[in-house]
């Protein structure tokens, strides 16, 4: 399975749409996109993972790396994910304590609006 990436901005939040598998082969594309967005001044990222079928340790590393990049600019990187098999990975690794994980883009946008 391939990886489809897209992004758009709403207010001060950049929403990254991810679809497919994030693994050792496709994760570099997500890494490049996150780096490019941060380099262009997008420091508040929301990664929508609702259509992600698979996530491995390489993908986790890309997300953690993206989080470090935005935090260097007092930014945020949060996730939308309701799939149990993906959420389980975040729970097992303890990353639920690191990332804000929301059930929908709307819920994340509301939370982001409150944090401004």
PDB file of N, CA and C in Angstrom:
ATOM      1  N   UNK A   1       0.847  -1.189   0.000  1.00  0.00           N
ATOM      2  CA  UNK A   1       0.000   0.000   0.000  1.00  0.00           C
ATOM      3  C   UNK A   1       0.882   1.238   0.000  1.00  0.00           C
ATOM      4  N   UNK A   2       0.447   2.225  -0.720  1.00  0.00           N
ATOM      5  CA  UNK A   2       1.184   3.471  -0.822  1.00  0.00           C
ATOM      6  C   UNK A   2       0.761   4.414   0.303  1.00  0.00           C
ATOM      7  N   UNK A   3       1.406   5.540   0.362  1.00  0.00           N
ATOM      8  CA  UNK A   3       1.086   6.557   1.350  1.00  0.00           C
ATOM      9  C   UNK A   3       0.631   7.804   0.616  1.00  0.00           C
ATOM     10  N   UNK A   4      -0.552   8.297   0.978  1.00  0.00           N
ATOM     11  CA  UNK A   4      -1.066   9.536   0.396  1.00  0.00           C
ATOM     12  C   UNK A   4      -0.968  10.626   1.450  1.00  0.00           C
ATOM     13  N   UNK A   5      -0.419  11.767   1.055  1.00  0.00           N
ATOM     14  CA  UNK A   5      -0.251  12.899   1.963  1.00  0.00           C
ATOM     15  C   UNK A   5      -0.868  14.143   1.358  1.00  0.00           C
ATOM     16  N   UNK A   6      -1.515  14.925   2.188  1.00  0.00           N
ATOM     17  CA  UNK A   6      -2.063  16.204   1.763  1.00  0.00           C
ATOM     18  C   UNK A   6      -2.067  17.106   2.992  1.00  0.00           C
ATOM     19  N   UNK A   7      -2.149  18.402   2.774  1.00  0.00           N
ATOM     20  CA  UNK A   7      -2.225  19.316   3.923  1.00  0.00           C
ATOM     21  C   UNK A   7      -2.940  20.598   3.523  1.00  0.00           C
ATOM     22  N   UNK A   8      -3.538  21.220   4.514  1.00  0.00           N
ATOM     23  CA  UNK A   8      -4.176  22.524   4.332  1.00  0.00           C
ATOM     24  C   UNK A   8      -4.188  23.237   5.682  1.00  0.00           C
ATOM     25  N   UNK A   9      -4.339  24.546   5.618  1.00  0.00           N
ATOM     26  CA  UNK A   9      -4.318  25.344   6.848  1.00  0.00           C
ATOM     27  C   UNK A   9      -5.701  25.880   7.159  1.00  0.00           C
ATOM     28  N   UNK A  10      -6.015  25.882   8.431  1.00  0.00           N
ATOM     29  CA  UNK A  10      -7.239  26.494   8.949  1.00  0.00           C
ATOM     30  C   UNK A  10      -6.834  27.313  10.159  1.00  0.00           C
ATOM     31  N   UNK A  11      -7.045  28.597  10.075  1.00  0.00           N
ATOM     32  CA  UNK A  11      -6.583  29.527  11.111  1.00  0.00           C
ATOM     33  C   UNK A  11      -5.070  29.358  11.278  1.00  0.00           C
ATOM     34  N   UNK A  12      -4.610  29.064  12.484  1.00  0.00           N
ATOM     35  CA  UNK A  12      -3.164  28.892  12.711  1.00  0.00           C
ATOM     36  C   UNK A  12      -2.772  27.422  12.755  1.00  0.00           C
ATOM     37  N   UNK A  13      -3.692  26.545  12.368  1.00  0.00           N
ATOM     38  CA  UNK A  13      -3.477  25.108  12.451  1.00  0.00           C
ATOM     39  C   UNK A  13      -3.294  24.529  11.044  1.00  0.00           C
ATOM     40  N   UNK A  14      -2.243  23.743  10.855  1.00  0.00           N
ATOM     41  CA  UNK A  14      -2.024  23.056   9.585  1.00  0.00           C
ATOM     42  C   UNK A  14      -2.426  21.594   9.776  1.00  0.00           C
ATOM     43  N   UNK A  15      -3.389  21.164   8.975  1.00  0.00           N
ATOM     44  CA  UNK A  15      -3.909  19.804   9.070  1.00  0.00           C
ATOM     45  C   UNK A  15      -3.236  18.960   7.995  1.00  0.00           C
ATOM     46  N   UNK A  16      -2.583  17.897   8.428  1.00  0.00           N
ATOM     47  CA  UNK A  16      -1.894  16.966   7.531  1.00  0.00           C
ATOM     48  C   UNK A  16      -2.754  15.709   7.427  1.00  0.00           C
ATOM     49  N   UNK A  17      -3.235  15.429   6.222  1.00  0.00           N
ATOM     50  CA  UNK A  17      -4.056  14.240   5.979  1.00  0.00           C
ATOM     51  C   UNK A  17      -3.140  13.108   5.537  1.00  0.00           C
ATOM     52  N   UNK A  18      -3.203  11.986   6.243  1.00  0.00           N
ATOM     53  CA  UNK A  18      -2.349  10.838   5.943  1.00  0.00           C
ATOM     54  C   UNK A  18      -3.249   9.634   5.673  1.00  0.00           C
ATOM     55  N   UNK A  19      -2.952   8.921   4.579  1.00  0.00           N
ATOM     56  CA  UNK A  19      -3.731   7.735   4.232  1.00  0.00           C
ATOM     57  C   UNK A  19      -2.796   6.631   3.754  1.00  0.00           C
ATOM     58  N   UNK A  20      -2.992   5.430   4.284  1.00  0.00           N
ATOM     59  CA  UNK A  20      -2.178   4.289   3.865  1.00  0.00           C
ATOM     60  C   UNK A  20      -1.317   3.762   4.990  1.00  0.00           C
ATOM     61  N   UNK A  21      -0.130   3.305   4.637  1.00  0.00           N
ATOM     62  CA  UNK A  21       0.777   2.700   5.605  1.00  0.00           C
ATOM     63  C   UNK A  21       1.987   3.598   5.851  1.00  0.00           C
ATOM     64  N   UNK A  22       2.302   3.819   7.132  1.00  0.00           N
ATOM     65  CA  UNK A  22       3.494   4.575   7.502  1.00  0.00           C
ATOM     66  C   UNK A  22       4.510   3.557   8.007  1.00  0.00           C
ATOM     67  N   UNK A  23       5.465   3.236   7.145  1.00  0.00           N
ATOM     68  CA  UNK A  23       6.451   2.219   7.495  1.00  0.00           C
ATOM     69  C   UNK A  23       7.841   2.667   7.041  1.00  0.00           C
ATOM     70  N   UNK A  24       8.794   1.757   7.133  1.00  0.00           N
ATOM     71  CA  UNK A  24      10.186   2.083   6.814  1.00  0.00           C
ATOM     72  C   UNK A  24      10.333   2.616   5.383  1.00  0.00           C
ATOM     73  N   UNK A  25       9.443   2.223   4.489  1.00  0.00           N
ATOM     74  CA  UNK A  25       9.539   2.646   3.093  1.00  0.00           C
ATOM     75  C   UNK A  25       8.855   3.985   2.827  1.00  0.00           C
ATOM     76  N   UNK A  26       7.742   4.241   3.530  1.00  0.00           N
ATOM     77  CA  UNK A  26       6.965   5.453   3.244  1.00  0.00           C
ATOM     78  C   UNK A  26       7.199   6.586   4.241  1.00  0.00           C
ATOM     79  N   UNK A  27       7.688   6.266   5.433  1.00  0.00           N
ATOM     80  CA  UNK A  27       7.876   7.284   6.483  1.00  0.00           C
ATOM     81  C   UNK A  27       8.753   8.458   6.045  1.00  0.00           C
ATOM     82  N   UNK A  28       9.797   8.237   5.222  1.00  0.00           N
ATOM     83  CA  UNK A  28      10.605   9.390   4.803  1.00  0.00           C
ATOM     84  C   UNK A  28       9.797  10.469   4.086  1.00  0.00           C
ATOM     85  N   UNK A  29       8.747  10.096   3.376  1.00  0.00           N
ATOM     86  CA  UNK A  29       7.907  11.101   2.709  1.00  0.00           C
ATOM     87  C   UNK A  29       7.168  11.958   3.731  1.00  0.00           C
ATOM     88  N   UNK A  30       6.648  11.331   4.790  1.00  0.00           N
ATOM     89  CA  UNK A  30       5.980  12.081   5.853  1.00  0.00           C
ATOM     90  C   UNK A  30       6.990  12.967   6.570  1.00  0.00           C
ATOM     91  N   UNK A  31       8.182  12.440   6.826  1.00  0.00           N
ATOM     92  CA  UNK A  31       9.235  13.226   7.480  1.00  0.00           C
ATOM     93  C   UNK A  31       9.549  14.476   6.669  1.00  0.00           C
ATOM     94  N   UNK A  32       9.725  14.317   5.363  1.00  0.00           N
ATOM     95  CA  UNK A  32      10.030  15.458   4.488  1.00  0.00           C
ATOM     96  C   UNK A  32       8.918  16.497   4.525  1.00  0.00           C
ATOM     97  N   UNK A  33       7.666  16.047   4.503  1.00  0.00           N
ATOM     98  CA  UNK A  33       6.543  16.983   4.553  1.00  0.00           C
ATOM     99  C   UNK A  33       6.537  17.752   5.869  1.00  0.00           C
ATOM    100  N   UNK A  34       6.707  17.055   6.991  1.00  0.00           N
ATOM    101  CA  UNK A  34       6.700  17.735   8.292  1.00  0.00           C
ATOM    102  C   UNK A  34       7.845  18.738   8.392  1.00  0.00           C
ATOM    103  N   UNK A  35       9.032  18.363   7.923  1.00  0.00           N
ATOM    104  CA  UNK A  35      10.181  19.285   7.938  1.00  0.00           C
ATOM    105  C   UNK A  35       9.888  20.507   7.081  1.00  0.00           C
ATOM    106  N   UNK A  36       9.337  20.279   5.894  1.00  0.00           N
ATOM    107  CA  UNK A  36       9.015  21.377   4.979  1.00  0.00           C
ATOM    108  C   UNK A  36       7.986  22.323   5.597  1.00  0.00           C
ATOM    109  N   UNK A  37       6.957  21.778   6.223  1.00  0.00           N
ATOM    110  CA  UNK A  37       5.937  22.621   6.852  1.00  0.00           C
ATOM    111  C   UNK A  37       6.536  23.470   7.963  1.00  0.00           C
ATOM    112  N   UNK A  38       7.375  22.864   8.810  1.00  0.00           N
ATOM    113  CA  UNK A  38       8.005  23.619   9.904  1.00  0.00           C
ATOM    114  C   UNK A  38       8.939  24.688   9.336  1.00  0.00           C
ATOM    115  N   UNK A  39       9.709  24.338   8.318  1.00  0.00           N
ATOM    116  CA  UNK A  39      10.618  25.313   7.704  1.00  0.00           C
ATOM    117  C   UNK A  39       9.875  26.497   7.102  1.00  0.00           C
ATOM    118  N   UNK A  40       8.618  26.285   6.722  1.00  0.00           N
ATOM    119  CA  UNK A  40       7.795  27.365   6.151  1.00  0.00           C
ATOM    120  C   UNK A  40       6.978  28.094   7.215  1.00  0.00           C
ATOM    121  N   UNK A  41       7.252  27.811   8.488  1.00  0.00           N
ATOM    122  CA  UNK A  41       6.617  28.562   9.574  1.00  0.00           C
ATOM    123  C   UNK A  41       5.320  27.978  10.094  1.00  0.00           C
ATOM    124  N   UNK A  42       5.020  26.728   9.768  1.00  0.00           N
ATOM    125  CA  UNK A  42       3.827  26.060  10.295  1.00  0.00           C
ATOM    126  C   UNK A  42       4.221  25.294  11.558  1.00  0.00           C
ATOM    127  N   UNK A  43       3.904  25.874  12.713  1.00  0.00           N
ATOM    128  CA  UNK A  43       4.361  25.297  13.974  1.00  0.00           C
ATOM    129  C   UNK A  43       3.256  24.609  14.769  1.00  0.00           C
ATOM    130  N   UNK A  44       2.024  24.639  14.269  1.00  0.00           N
ATOM    131  CA  UNK A  44       0.908  23.960  14.932  1.00  0.00           C
ATOM    132  C   UNK A  44       0.322  22.983  13.928  1.00  0.00           C
ATOM    133  N   UNK A  45       0.686  21.709  14.096  1.00  0.00           N
ATOM    134  CA  UNK A  45       0.315  20.673  13.141  1.00  0.00           C
ATOM    135  C   UNK A  45      -0.675  19.690  13.768  1.00  0.00           C
ATOM    136  N   UNK A  46      -1.634  19.288  12.959  1.00  0.00           N
ATOM    137  CA  UNK A  46      -2.579  18.251  13.344  1.00  0.00           C
ATOM    138  C   UNK A  46      -2.495  17.161  12.283  1.00  0.00           C
ATOM    139  N   UNK A  47      -2.043  15.986  12.673  1.00  0.00           N
ATOM    140  CA  UNK A  47      -1.892  14.876  11.735  1.00  0.00           C
ATOM    141  C   UNK A  47      -3.132  13.980  11.853  1.00  0.00           C
ATOM    142  N   UNK A  48      -3.932  13.956  10.794  1.00  0.00           N
ATOM    143  CA  UNK A  48      -5.141  13.143  10.761  1.00  0.00           C
ATOM    144  C   UNK A  48      -4.766  11.735  10.289  1.00  0.00           C
ATOM    145  N   UNK A  49      -4.810  10.788  11.212  1.00  0.00           N
ATOM    146  CA  UNK A  49      -4.394   9.416  10.932  1.00  0.00           C
ATOM    147  C   UNK A  49      -5.581   8.468  10.810  1.00  0.00           C
ATOM    148  N   UNK A  50      -6.767   8.999  10.570  1.00  0.00           N
ATOM    149  CA  UNK A  50      -7.961   8.157  10.502  1.00  0.00           C
ATOM    150  C   UNK A  50      -7.913   7.134   9.376  1.00  0.00           C
ATOM    151  N   UNK A  51      -7.166   7.429   8.318  1.00  0.00           N
ATOM    152  CA  UNK A  51      -7.091   6.508   7.182  1.00  0.00           C
ATOM    153  C   UNK A  51      -5.743   5.779   7.115  1.00  0.00           C
ATOM    154  N   UNK A  52      -5.029   5.769   8.232  1.00  0.00           N
ATOM    155  CA  UNK A  52      -3.755   5.047   8.298  1.00  0.00           C
ATOM    156  C   UNK A  52      -4.057   3.586   8.638  1.00  0.00           C
ATOM    157  N   UNK A  53      -3.555   2.684   7.792  1.00  0.00           N
ATOM    158  CA  UNK A  53      -3.799   1.253   7.975  1.00  0.00           C
ATOM    159  C   UNK A  53      -2.727   0.571   8.806  1.00  0.00           C
ATOM    160  N   UNK A  54      -1.521   1.166   8.824  1.00  0.00           N
ATOM    161  CA  UNK A  54      -0.391   0.507   9.482  1.00  0.00           C
ATOM    162  C   UNK A  54       0.598   1.569   9.917  1.00  0.00           C
ATOM    163  N   UNK A  55       1.182   1.373  11.098  1.00  0.00           N
ATOM    164  CA  UNK A  55       2.180   2.285  11.632  1.00  0.00           C
ATOM    165  C   UNK A  55       3.260   1.444  12.302  1.00  0.00           C
ATOM    166  N   UNK A  56       4.530   1.635  11.885  1.00  0.00           N
ATOM    167  CA  UNK A  56       5.619   0.901  12.532  1.00  0.00           C
ATOM    168  C   UNK A  56       6.505   1.865  13.315  1.00  0.00           C
ATOM    169  N   UNK A  57       7.600   1.344  13.849  1.00  0.00           N
ATOM    170  CA  UNK A  57       8.475   2.154  14.688  1.00  0.00           C
ATOM    171  C   UNK A  57       9.110   3.309  13.910  1.00  0.00           C
ATOM    172  N   UNK A  58       9.336   3.126  12.624  1.00  0.00           N
ATOM    173  CA  UNK A  58       9.882   4.212  11.809  1.00  0.00           C
ATOM    174  C   UNK A  58       8.878   5.363  11.758  1.00  0.00           C
ATOM    175  N   UNK A  59       7.614   5.023  11.567  1.00  0.00           N
ATOM    176  CA  UNK A  59       6.563   6.043  11.550  1.00  0.00           C
ATOM    177  C   UNK A  59       6.439   6.764  12.876  1.00  0.00           C
ATOM    178  N   UNK A  60       6.535   6.011  13.973  1.00  0.00           N
ATOM    179  CA  UNK A  60       6.511   6.636  15.305  1.00  0.00           C
ATOM    180  C   UNK A  60       7.668   7.617  15.444  1.00  0.00           C
ATOM    181  N   UNK A  61       8.842   7.204  14.969  1.00  0.00           N
ATOM    182  CA  UNK A  61      10.020   8.076  15.044  1.00  0.00           C
ATOM    183  C   UNK A  61       9.831   9.368  14.262  1.00  0.00           C
ATOM    184  N   UNK A  62       9.180   9.277  13.116  1.00  0.00           N
ATOM    185  CA  UNK A  62       8.909  10.471  12.303  1.00  0.00           C
ATOM    186  C   UNK A  62       7.979  11.427  13.064  1.00  0.00           C
ATOM    187  N   UNK A  63       6.948  10.875  13.694  1.00  0.00           N
ATOM    188  CA  UNK A  63       6.017  11.718  14.449  1.00  0.00           C
ATOM    189  C   UNK A  63       6.704  12.368  15.650  1.00  0.00           C
ATOM    190  N   UNK A  64       7.523  11.608  16.365  1.00  0.00           N
ATOM    191  CA  UNK A  64       8.261  12.172  17.506  1.00  0.00           C
ATOM    192  C   UNK A  64       9.240  13.239  17.022  1.00  0.00           C
ATOM    193  N   UNK A  65       9.918  12.982  15.909  1.00  0.00           N
ATOM    194  CA  UNK A  65      10.827  13.980  15.340  1.00  0.00           C
ATOM    195  C   UNK A  65      10.102  15.256  14.949  1.00  0.00           C
ATOM    196  N   UNK A  66       8.913  15.101  14.372  1.00  0.00           N
ATOM    197  CA  UNK A  66       8.103  16.270  14.021  1.00  0.00           C
ATOM    198  C   UNK A  66       7.699  17.053  15.252  1.00  0.00           C
ATOM    199  N   UNK A  67       7.340  16.326  16.312  1.00  0.00           N
ATOM    200  CA  UNK A  67       6.970  16.977  17.573  1.00  0.00           C
ATOM    201  C   UNK A  67       8.134  17.793  18.124  1.00  0.00           C
ATOM    202  N   UNK A  68       9.336  17.231  18.094  1.00  0.00           N
ATOM    203  CA  UNK A  68      10.513  17.957  18.575  1.00  0.00           C
ATOM    204  C   UNK A  68      10.751  19.220  17.757  1.00  0.00           C
ATOM    205  N   UNK A  69      10.554  19.122  16.443  1.00  0.00           N
ATOM    206  CA  UNK A  69      10.766  20.295  15.576  1.00  0.00           C
ATOM    207  C   UNK A  69       9.799  21.433  15.901  1.00  0.00           C
ATOM    208  N   UNK A  70       8.510  21.106  16.064  1.00  0.00           N
ATOM    209  CA  UNK A  70       7.543  22.175  16.336  1.00  0.00           C
ATOM    210  C   UNK A  70       7.704  22.718  17.746  1.00  0.00           C
ATOM    211  N   UNK A  71       8.064  21.863  18.688  1.00  0.00           N
ATOM    212  CA  UNK A  71       8.249  22.337  20.067  1.00  0.00           C
ATOM    213  C   UNK A  71       9.434  23.298  20.174  1.00  0.00           C
ATOM    214  N   UNK A  72      10.400  23.151  19.289  1.00  0.00           N
ATOM    215  CA  UNK A  72      11.529  24.090  19.266  1.00  0.00           C
ATOM    216  C   UNK A  72      11.053  25.499  18.916  1.00  0.00           C
ATOM    217  N   UNK A  73       9.857  25.613  18.362  1.00  0.00           N
ATOM    218  CA  UNK A  73       9.266  26.907  17.992  1.00  0.00           C
ATOM    219  C   UNK A  73       8.005  27.179  18.820  1.00  0.00           C
ATOM    220  N   UNK A  74       7.922  26.573  20.004  1.00  0.00           N
ATOM    221  CA  UNK A  74       6.749  26.674  20.880  1.00  0.00           C
ATOM    222  C   UNK A  74       5.473  26.245  20.167  1.00  0.00           C
ATOM    223  N   UNK A  75       5.594  25.253  19.300  1.00  0.00           N
ATOM    224  CA  UNK A  75       4.451  24.762  18.544  1.00  0.00           C
ATOM    225  C   UNK A  75       3.893  23.475  19.118  1.00  0.00           C
ATOM    226  N   UNK A  76       3.038  22.836  18.326  1.00  0.00           N
ATOM    227  CA  UNK A  76       2.389  21.600  18.758  1.00  0.00           C
ATOM    228  C   UNK A  76       2.214  20.663  17.559  1.00  0.00           C
ATOM    229  N   UNK A  77       2.219  19.376  17.847  1.00  0.00           N
ATOM    230  CA  UNK A  77       1.889  18.363  16.861  1.00  0.00           C
ATOM    231  C   UNK A  77       0.938  17.402  17.559  1.00  0.00           C
ATOM    232  N   UNK A  78      -0.294  17.391  17.072  1.00  0.00           N
ATOM    233  CA  UNK A  78      -1.315  16.548  17.681  1.00  0.00           C
ATOM    234  C   UNK A  78      -1.865  15.599  16.633  1.00  0.00           C
ATOM    235  N   UNK A  79      -2.581  14.587  17.100  1.00  0.00           N
ATOM    236  CA  UNK A  79      -3.036  13.524  16.211  1.00  0.00           C
ATOM    237  C   UNK A  79      -4.540  13.327  16.298  1.00  0.00           C
ATOM    238  N   UNK A  80      -5.116  12.890  15.183  1.00  0.00           N
ATOM    239  CA  UNK A  80      -6.492  12.405  15.170  1.00  0.00           C
ATOM    240  C   UNK A  80      -6.410  10.919  14.874  1.00  0.00           C
ATOM    241  N   UNK A  81      -6.907  10.119  15.817  1.00  0.00           N
ATOM    242  CA  UNK A  81      -6.850   8.665  15.639  1.00  0.00           C
ATOM    243  C   UNK A  81      -7.889   8.007  16.535  1.00  0.00           C
ATOM    244  N   UNK A  82      -8.723   7.162  15.943  1.00  0.00           N
ATOM    245  CA  UNK A  82      -9.692   6.395  16.730  1.00  0.00           C
ATOM    246  C   UNK A  82      -9.538   4.898  16.506  1.00  0.00           C
ATOM    247  N   UNK A  83      -8.631   4.503  15.618  1.00  0.00           N
ATOM    248  CA  UNK A  83      -8.451   3.086  15.321  1.00  0.00           C
ATOM    249  C   UNK A  83      -7.708   2.404  16.466  1.00  0.00           C
ATOM    250  N   UNK A  84      -8.331   1.399  17.025  1.00  0.00           N
ATOM    251  CA  UNK A  84      -7.779   0.740  18.202  1.00  0.00           C
ATOM    252  C   UNK A  84      -6.390   0.167  17.953  1.00  0.00           C
ATOM    253  N   UNK A  85      -6.159  -0.437  16.782  1.00  0.00           N
ATOM    254  CA  UNK A  85      -4.850  -1.066  16.531  1.00  0.00           C
ATOM    255  C   UNK A  85      -3.736  -0.032  16.463  1.00  0.00           C
ATOM    256  N   UNK A  86      -4.049   1.187  16.027  1.00  0.00           N
ATOM    257  CA  UNK A  86      -3.040   2.257  15.989  1.00  0.00           C
ATOM    258  C   UNK A  86      -2.894   2.876  17.380  1.00  0.00           C
ATOM    259  N   UNK A  87      -4.019   3.114  18.045  1.00  0.00           N
ATOM    260  CA  UNK A  87      -3.971   3.686  19.401  1.00  0.00           C
ATOM    261  C   UNK A  87      -3.190   2.785  20.352  1.00  0.00           C
ATOM    262  N   UNK A  88      -3.317   1.471  20.175  1.00  0.00           N
ATOM    263  CA  UNK A  88      -2.615   0.520  21.026  1.00  0.00           C
ATOM    264  C   UNK A  88      -1.105   0.740  20.954  1.00  0.00           C
ATOM    265  N   UNK A  89      -0.594   1.054  19.778  1.00  0.00           N
ATOM    266  CA  UNK A  89       0.842   1.316  19.603  1.00  0.00           C
ATOM    267  C   UNK A  89       1.261   2.531  20.441  1.00  0.00           C
ATOM    268  N   UNK A  90       0.430   3.577  20.417  1.00  0.00           N
ATOM    269  CA  UNK A  90       0.746   4.781  21.201  1.00  0.00           C
ATOM    270  C   UNK A  90       0.670   4.493  22.697  1.00  0.00           C
ATOM    271  N   UNK A  91      -0.292   3.653  23.115  1.00  0.00           N
ATOM    272  CA  UNK A  91      -0.397   3.302  24.540  1.00  0.00           C
ATOM    273  C   UNK A  91       0.797   2.464  24.990  1.00  0.00           C
ATOM    274  N   UNK A  92       1.151   1.447  24.218  1.00  0.00           N
ATOM    275  CA  UNK A  92       2.254   0.550  24.596  1.00  0.00           C
ATOM    276  C   UNK A  92       3.571   1.316  24.720  1.00  0.00           C
ATOM    277  N   UNK A  93       3.786   2.284  23.831  1.00  0.00           N
ATOM    278  CA  UNK A  93       5.040   3.043  23.835  1.00  0.00           C
ATOM    279  C   UNK A  93       5.018   4.228  24.801  1.00  0.00           C
ATOM    280  N   UNK A  94       3.871   4.479  25.426  1.00  0.00           N
ATOM    281  CA  UNK A  94       3.761   5.608  26.353  1.00  0.00           C
ATOM    282  C   UNK A  94       3.588   6.946  25.654  1.00  0.00           C
ATOM    283  N   UNK A  95       3.401   6.922  24.349  1.00  0.00           N
ATOM    284  CA  UNK A  95       3.304   8.185  23.598  1.00  0.00           C
ATOM    285  C   UNK A  95       1.948   8.874  23.735  1.00  0.00           C
ATOM    286  N   UNK A  96       0.983   8.217  24.381  1.00  0.00           N
ATOM    287  CA  UNK A  96      -0.282   8.900  24.653  1.00  0.00           C
ATOM    288  C   UNK A  96      -0.064  10.040  25.640  1.00  0.00           C
ATOM    289  N   UNK A  97       1.034   9.980  26.387  1.00  0.00           N
ATOM    290  CA  UNK A  97       1.363  11.052  27.337  1.00  0.00           C
ATOM    291  C   UNK A  97       2.100  12.200  26.652  1.00  0.00           C
ATOM    292  N   UNK A  98       2.571  11.959  25.431  1.00  0.00           N
ATOM    293  CA  UNK A  98       3.379  12.939  24.711  1.00  0.00           C
ATOM    294  C   UNK A  98       2.545  13.694  23.679  1.00  0.00           C
ATOM    295  N   UNK A  99       1.684  12.967  22.989  1.00  0.00           N
ATOM    296  CA  UNK A  99       0.858  13.562  21.938  1.00  0.00           C
ATOM    297  C   UNK A  99      -0.557  13.808  22.436  1.00  0.00           C
ATOM    298  N   UNK A 100      -1.145  14.910  21.992  1.00  0.00           N
ATOM    299  CA  UNK A 100      -2.581  15.081  22.145  1.00  0.00           C
ATOM    300  C   UNK A 100      -3.225  14.226  21.069  1.00  0.00           C
ATOM    301  N   UNK A 101      -4.100  13.305  21.470  1.00  0.00           N
ATOM    302  CA  UNK A 101      -4.757  12.417  20.510  1.00  0.00           C
ATOM    303  C   UNK A 101      -6.260  12.643  20.611  1.00  0.00           C
ATOM    304  N   UNK A 102      -6.868  12.984  19.481  1.00  0.00           N
ATOM    305  CA  UNK A 102      -8.278  13.345  19.443  1.00  0.00           C
ATOM    306  C   UNK A 102      -9.074  12.379  18.575  1.00  0.00           C
ATOM    307  N   UNK A 103     -10.391  12.363  18.796  1.00  0.00           N
ATOM    308  CA  UNK A 103     -11.275  11.468  18.063  1.00  0.00           C
ATOM    309  C   UNK A 103     -11.685  12.031  16.707  1.00  0.00           C
ATOM    310  N   UNK A 104     -11.547  13.345  16.522  1.00  0.00           N
ATOM    311  CA  UNK A 104     -11.932  13.957  15.244  1.00  0.00           C
ATOM    312  C   UNK A 104     -11.142  15.241  15.034  1.00  0.00           C
ATOM    313  N   UNK A 105     -11.116  15.677  13.796  1.00  0.00           N
ATOM    314  CA  UNK A 105     -10.463  16.946  13.472  1.00  0.00           C
ATOM    315  C   UNK A 105     -11.180  18.084  14.190  1.00  0.00           C
ATOM    316  N   UNK A 106     -12.505  18.021  14.227  1.00  0.00           N
ATOM    317  CA  UNK A 106     -13.282  19.083  14.901  1.00  0.00           C
ATOM    318  C   UNK A 106     -12.924  19.165  16.383  1.00  0.00           C
ATOM    319  N   UNK A 107     -12.835  18.029  17.045  1.00  0.00           N
ATOM    320  CA  UNK A 107     -12.473  18.009  18.474  1.00  0.00           C
ATOM    321  C   UNK A 107     -11.089  18.611  18.682  1.00  0.00           C
ATOM    322  N   UNK A 108     -10.156  18.268  17.823  1.00  0.00           N
ATOM    323  CA  UNK A 108      -8.795  18.805  17.935  1.00  0.00           C
ATOM    324  C   UNK A 108      -8.777  20.303  17.691  1.00  0.00           C
ATOM    325  N   UNK A 109      -9.543  20.762  16.708  1.00  0.00           N
ATOM    326  CA  UNK A 109      -9.594  22.207  16.417  1.00  0.00           C
ATOM    327  C   UNK A 109     -10.193  22.971  17.592  1.00  0.00           C
ATOM    328  N   UNK A 110     -11.222  22.417  18.212  1.00  0.00           N
ATOM    329  CA  UNK A 110     -11.820  23.065  19.386  1.00  0.00           C
ATOM    330  C   UNK A 110     -10.807  23.153  20.519  1.00  0.00           C
ATOM    331  N   UNK A 111     -10.090  22.069  20.774  1.00  0.00           N
ATOM    332  CA  UNK A 111      -9.078  22.056  21.837  1.00  0.00           C
ATOM    333  C   UNK A 111      -7.969  23.045  21.517  1.00  0.00           C
ATOM    334  N   UNK A 112      -7.553  23.095  20.260  1.00  0.00           N
ATOM    335  CA  UNK A 112      -6.509  24.028  19.841  1.00  0.00           C
ATOM    336  C   UNK A 112      -6.958  25.474  20.045  1.00  0.00           C
ATOM    337  N   UNK A 113      -8.219  25.741  19.746  1.00  0.00           N
ATOM    338  CA  UNK A 113      -8.768  27.089  19.923  1.00  0.00           C
ATOM    339  C   UNK A 113      -8.777  27.513  21.380  1.00  0.00           C
ATOM    340  N   UNK A 114      -9.018  26.559  22.276  1.00  0.00           N
ATOM    341  CA  UNK A 114      -9.022  26.873  23.714  1.00  0.00           C
ATOM    342  C   UNK A 114      -7.615  27.137  24.234  1.00  0.00           C
ATOM    343  N   UNK A 115      -6.619  26.524  23.599  1.00  0.00           N
ATOM    344  CA  UNK A 115      -5.243  26.644  24.086  1.00  0.00           C
ATOM    345  C   UNK A 115      -4.547  27.906  23.603  1.00  0.00           C
ATOM    346  N   UNK A 116      -5.157  28.661  22.721  1.00  0.00           N
ATOM    347  CA  UNK A 116      -4.492  29.861  22.160  1.00  0.00           C
ATOM    348  C   UNK A 116      -4.234  30.893  23.217  1.00  0.00           C
TER     349      UNK A 116
END
